[in-house]
Amino acid sequence: MDPIRFVVRDSAGNVTRGGLTGEQPLPVGAGEQISLNVGRDAVEAYLRQGDDLLVVLADGRTIVLDGFFDAGPAANQLYLSSE
């Protein structure tokens, strides 16, 4: 399967790009904006596991956003984009 492309923008405006296979977690810091290159129809479920957000995809992969809910006063944001 092709990796799922992502973009993370931190609170200072720095941008990180990459790809996820669903096998490794994506570490998330406080106040970050995470964009996953998947459409809404590709997402089967969103689950909270401790401080992590699990994005379960219809193709069987699970993307783990490590520490998504451990952001303190600066909440993290998740965006989906199929483009």
N, C-alpha and C. Protein backbone atom coordinates (compact mmCIF):
# COMPACT_ATOMS: atom_id res chain seq x y z
N MET A 1 0.83 -1.19 0.00
CA MET A 1 0.00 0.00 0.00
C MET A 1 0.87 1.25 0.00
N ASP A 2 0.37 2.27 -0.62
CA ASP A 2 1.08 3.54 -0.65
C ASP A 2 1.04 4.19 0.73
N PRO A 3 2.11 4.91 1.09
CA PRO A 3 2.09 5.63 2.36
C PRO A 3 1.05 6.75 2.33
N ILE A 4 0.55 7.08 3.48
CA ILE A 4 -0.39 8.19 3.63
C ILE A 4 0.44 9.44 3.88
N ARG A 5 0.32 10.41 3.01
CA ARG A 5 1.08 11.64 3.12
C ARG A 5 0.51 12.48 4.27
N PHE A 6 1.40 13.18 4.97
CA PHE A 6 0.95 14.05 6.05
C PHE A 6 1.77 15.33 6.06
N VAL A 7 1.20 16.35 6.68
CA VAL A 7 1.87 17.62 6.92
C VAL A 7 1.56 18.02 8.35
N VAL A 8 2.59 18.41 9.10
CA VAL A 8 2.41 18.89 10.47
C VAL A 8 2.98 20.30 10.55
N ARG A 9 2.16 21.21 11.06
CA ARG A 9 2.61 22.59 11.30
C ARG A 9 2.59 22.80 12.82
N ASP A 10 3.76 23.15 13.37
CA ASP A 10 3.82 23.35 14.82
C ASP A 10 3.43 24.79 15.17
N SER A 11 3.39 25.09 16.46
CA SER A 11 2.94 26.40 16.93
C SER A 11 3.87 27.54 16.49
N ALA A 12 5.11 27.22 16.13
CA ALA A 12 6.05 28.24 15.65
C ALA A 12 5.97 28.44 14.14
N GLY A 13 5.14 27.63 13.46
CA GLY A 13 4.99 27.75 12.01
C GLY A 13 5.89 26.83 11.21
N ASN A 14 6.69 26.01 11.88
CA ASN A 14 7.55 25.06 11.17
C ASN A 14 6.70 23.94 10.58
N VAL A 15 7.06 23.50 9.39
CA VAL A 15 6.30 22.48 8.68
C VAL A 15 7.14 21.22 8.49
N THR A 16 6.53 20.08 8.78
CA THR A 16 7.15 18.78 8.56
C THR A 16 6.25 17.98 7.63
N ARG A 17 6.83 17.35 6.63
CA ARG A 17 6.08 16.53 5.68
C ARG A 17 6.64 15.11 5.70
N GLY A 18 5.78 14.16 5.38
CA GLY A 18 6.26 12.79 5.32
C GLY A 18 5.16 11.85 4.89
N GLY A 19 5.40 10.56 5.11
CA GLY A 19 4.45 9.53 4.76
C GLY A 19 4.35 8.49 5.86
N LEU A 20 3.16 7.97 6.06
CA LEU A 20 2.90 6.96 7.09
C LEU A 20 2.37 5.70 6.45
N THR A 21 2.83 4.56 6.94
CA THR A 21 2.31 3.29 6.46
C THR A 21 1.25 2.73 7.39
N GLY A 22 1.11 3.32 8.57
CA GLY A 22 0.18 2.81 9.56
C GLY A 22 0.87 1.91 10.56
N GLU A 23 2.17 1.69 10.39
CA GLU A 23 2.91 0.82 11.29
C GLU A 23 3.65 1.58 12.38
N GLN A 24 3.94 2.85 12.14
CA GLN A 24 4.67 3.64 13.13
C GLN A 24 3.80 4.81 13.58
N PRO A 25 3.90 5.21 14.87
CA PRO A 25 3.11 6.34 15.33
C PRO A 25 3.72 7.66 14.85
N LEU A 26 2.88 8.67 14.76
CA LEU A 26 3.33 10.01 14.42
C LEU A 26 3.31 10.82 15.72
N PRO A 27 4.48 11.22 16.23
CA PRO A 27 4.52 12.00 17.47
C PRO A 27 3.91 13.38 17.25
N VAL A 28 3.09 13.81 18.19
CA VAL A 28 2.41 15.09 18.09
C VAL A 28 2.76 15.93 19.31
N GLY A 29 3.20 17.17 19.09
CA GLY A 29 3.48 18.09 20.18
C GLY A 29 2.28 18.98 20.45
N ALA A 30 2.43 19.92 21.35
CA ALA A 30 1.34 20.81 21.74
C ALA A 30 1.08 21.85 20.67
N GLY A 31 -0.20 22.10 20.40
CA GLY A 31 -0.60 23.15 19.47
C GLY A 31 -0.27 22.90 18.02
N GLU A 32 -0.24 21.65 17.61
CA GLU A 32 0.11 21.33 16.22
C GLU A 32 -1.14 21.12 15.37
N GLN A 33 -0.98 21.39 14.09
CA GLN A 33 -2.01 21.14 13.10
C GLN A 33 -1.52 20.00 12.22
N ILE A 34 -2.29 18.91 12.22
CA ILE A 34 -1.90 17.71 11.47
C ILE A 34 -2.87 17.54 10.31
N SER A 35 -2.35 17.40 9.12
CA SER A 35 -3.17 17.16 7.94
C SER A 35 -2.80 15.81 7.35
N LEU A 36 -3.79 14.93 7.24
CA LEU A 36 -3.59 13.62 6.62
C LEU A 36 -4.21 13.64 5.24
N ASN A 37 -3.51 13.10 4.27
CA ASN A 37 -4.01 13.07 2.90
C ASN A 37 -4.90 11.85 2.69
N VAL A 38 -6.06 11.90 3.33
CA VAL A 38 -7.10 10.88 3.15
C VAL A 38 -8.45 11.59 3.14
N GLY A 39 -9.37 11.04 2.40
CA GLY A 39 -10.73 11.58 2.38
C GLY A 39 -11.53 11.08 3.57
N ARG A 40 -12.60 11.77 3.88
CA ARG A 40 -13.46 11.37 5.00
C ARG A 40 -14.00 9.96 4.82
N ASP A 41 -14.31 9.59 3.58
CA ASP A 41 -14.87 8.26 3.32
C ASP A 41 -13.85 7.14 3.56
N ALA A 42 -12.57 7.48 3.65
CA ALA A 42 -11.54 6.47 3.91
C ALA A 42 -11.38 6.18 5.40
N VAL A 43 -12.01 7.00 6.26
CA VAL A 43 -11.88 6.83 7.70
C VAL A 43 -13.06 6.03 8.22
N GLU A 44 -12.74 4.94 8.90
CA GLU A 44 -13.78 4.09 9.48
C GLU A 44 -14.13 4.52 10.90
N ALA A 45 -13.11 4.96 11.67
CA ALA A 45 -13.37 5.34 13.07
C ALA A 45 -12.24 6.19 13.62
N TYR A 46 -12.59 6.98 14.63
CA TYR A 46 -11.62 7.72 15.43
C TYR A 46 -11.72 7.17 16.84
N LEU A 47 -10.59 6.79 17.43
CA LEU A 47 -10.60 6.23 18.77
C LEU A 47 -9.58 6.94 19.64
N ARG A 48 -9.93 7.10 20.90
CA ARG A 48 -8.96 7.65 21.85
C ARG A 48 -8.40 6.49 22.67
N GLN A 49 -7.07 6.43 22.76
CA GLN A 49 -6.39 5.42 23.56
C GLN A 49 -5.38 6.17 24.42
N GLY A 50 -5.75 6.44 25.67
CA GLY A 50 -4.91 7.27 26.53
C GLY A 50 -4.82 8.67 25.95
N ASP A 51 -3.61 9.15 25.70
CA ASP A 51 -3.41 10.47 25.10
C ASP A 51 -3.27 10.41 23.58
N ASP A 52 -3.43 9.22 23.00
CA ASP A 52 -3.25 9.05 21.56
C ASP A 52 -4.59 9.07 20.83
N LEU A 53 -4.56 9.56 19.60
CA LEU A 53 -5.71 9.48 18.71
C LEU A 53 -5.41 8.42 17.66
N LEU A 54 -6.30 7.45 17.54
CA LEU A 54 -6.17 6.41 16.53
C LEU A 54 -7.15 6.71 15.41
N VAL A 55 -6.64 6.77 14.20
CA VAL A 55 -7.48 6.98 13.02
C VAL A 55 -7.50 5.65 12.28
N VAL A 56 -8.65 4.97 12.34
CA VAL A 56 -8.79 3.65 11.73
C VAL A 56 -9.33 3.84 10.32
N LEU A 57 -8.58 3.34 9.35
CA LEU A 57 -8.95 3.50 7.95
C LEU A 57 -9.72 2.30 7.43
N ALA A 58 -10.52 2.51 6.43
CA ALA A 58 -11.33 1.45 5.84
C ALA A 58 -10.48 0.35 5.23
N ASP A 59 -9.23 0.66 4.85
CA ASP A 59 -8.36 -0.37 4.26
C ASP A 59 -7.66 -1.23 5.30
N GLY A 60 -7.96 -1.02 6.60
CA GLY A 60 -7.40 -1.85 7.66
C GLY A 60 -6.23 -1.23 8.40
N ARG A 61 -5.67 -0.17 7.86
CA ARG A 61 -4.55 0.49 8.55
C ARG A 61 -5.06 1.38 9.68
N THR A 62 -4.21 1.57 10.69
CA THR A 62 -4.51 2.47 11.80
C THR A 62 -3.37 3.45 11.94
N ILE A 63 -3.70 4.73 11.91
CA ILE A 63 -2.70 5.78 12.10
C ILE A 63 -2.78 6.22 13.56
N VAL A 64 -1.65 6.17 14.26
CA VAL A 64 -1.60 6.57 15.66
C VAL A 64 -0.95 7.94 15.75
N LEU A 65 -1.71 8.91 16.25
CA LEU A 65 -1.18 10.25 16.50
C LEU A 65 -0.80 10.28 17.98
N ASP A 66 0.48 10.03 18.22
CA ASP A 66 1.02 9.83 19.57
C ASP A 66 1.03 11.14 20.35
N GLY A 67 0.26 11.21 21.45
CA GLY A 67 0.22 12.39 22.29
C GLY A 67 -0.74 13.46 21.82
N PHE A 68 -1.66 13.12 20.91
CA PHE A 68 -2.59 14.10 20.35
C PHE A 68 -3.39 14.82 21.43
N PHE A 69 -3.83 14.07 22.47
CA PHE A 69 -4.66 14.65 23.52
C PHE A 69 -3.85 15.14 24.71
N ASP A 70 -2.53 15.13 24.61
CA ASP A 70 -1.65 15.59 25.68
C ASP A 70 -1.08 16.96 25.32
N ALA A 71 -1.93 17.84 24.84
CA ALA A 71 -1.47 19.12 24.31
C ALA A 71 -1.49 20.25 25.33
N GLY A 72 -2.02 20.00 26.53
CA GLY A 72 -2.13 21.07 27.51
C GLY A 72 -3.11 22.13 27.04
N PRO A 73 -2.79 23.40 27.27
CA PRO A 73 -3.73 24.46 26.89
C PRO A 73 -3.81 24.71 25.38
N ALA A 74 -2.83 24.25 24.62
CA ALA A 74 -2.82 24.45 23.17
C ALA A 74 -3.31 23.18 22.48
N ALA A 75 -4.58 23.16 22.13
CA ALA A 75 -5.17 21.96 21.52
C ALA A 75 -4.59 21.69 20.15
N ASN A 76 -4.47 20.42 19.82
CA ASN A 76 -4.05 20.01 18.48
C ASN A 76 -5.26 19.94 17.57
N GLN A 77 -5.02 20.06 16.27
CA GLN A 77 -6.10 20.01 15.29
C GLN A 77 -5.75 19.00 14.21
N LEU A 78 -6.76 18.22 13.80
CA LEU A 78 -6.60 17.23 12.74
C LEU A 78 -7.43 17.66 11.54
N TYR A 79 -6.80 17.61 10.37
CA TYR A 79 -7.48 17.92 9.12
C TYR A 79 -7.32 16.74 8.18
N LEU A 80 -8.35 16.50 7.38
CA LEU A 80 -8.30 15.47 6.34
C LEU A 80 -8.39 16.18 5.00
N SER A 81 -7.56 15.75 4.07
CA SER A 81 -7.56 16.36 2.75
C SER A 81 -7.25 15.27 1.73
N SER A 82 -8.11 15.11 0.77
CA SER A 82 -7.89 14.07 -0.24
C SER A 82 -7.17 14.62 -1.46
N GLU A 83 -6.60 15.80 -1.36
CA GLU A 83 -5.87 16.39 -2.48
C GLU A 83 -4.40 16.44 -2.20
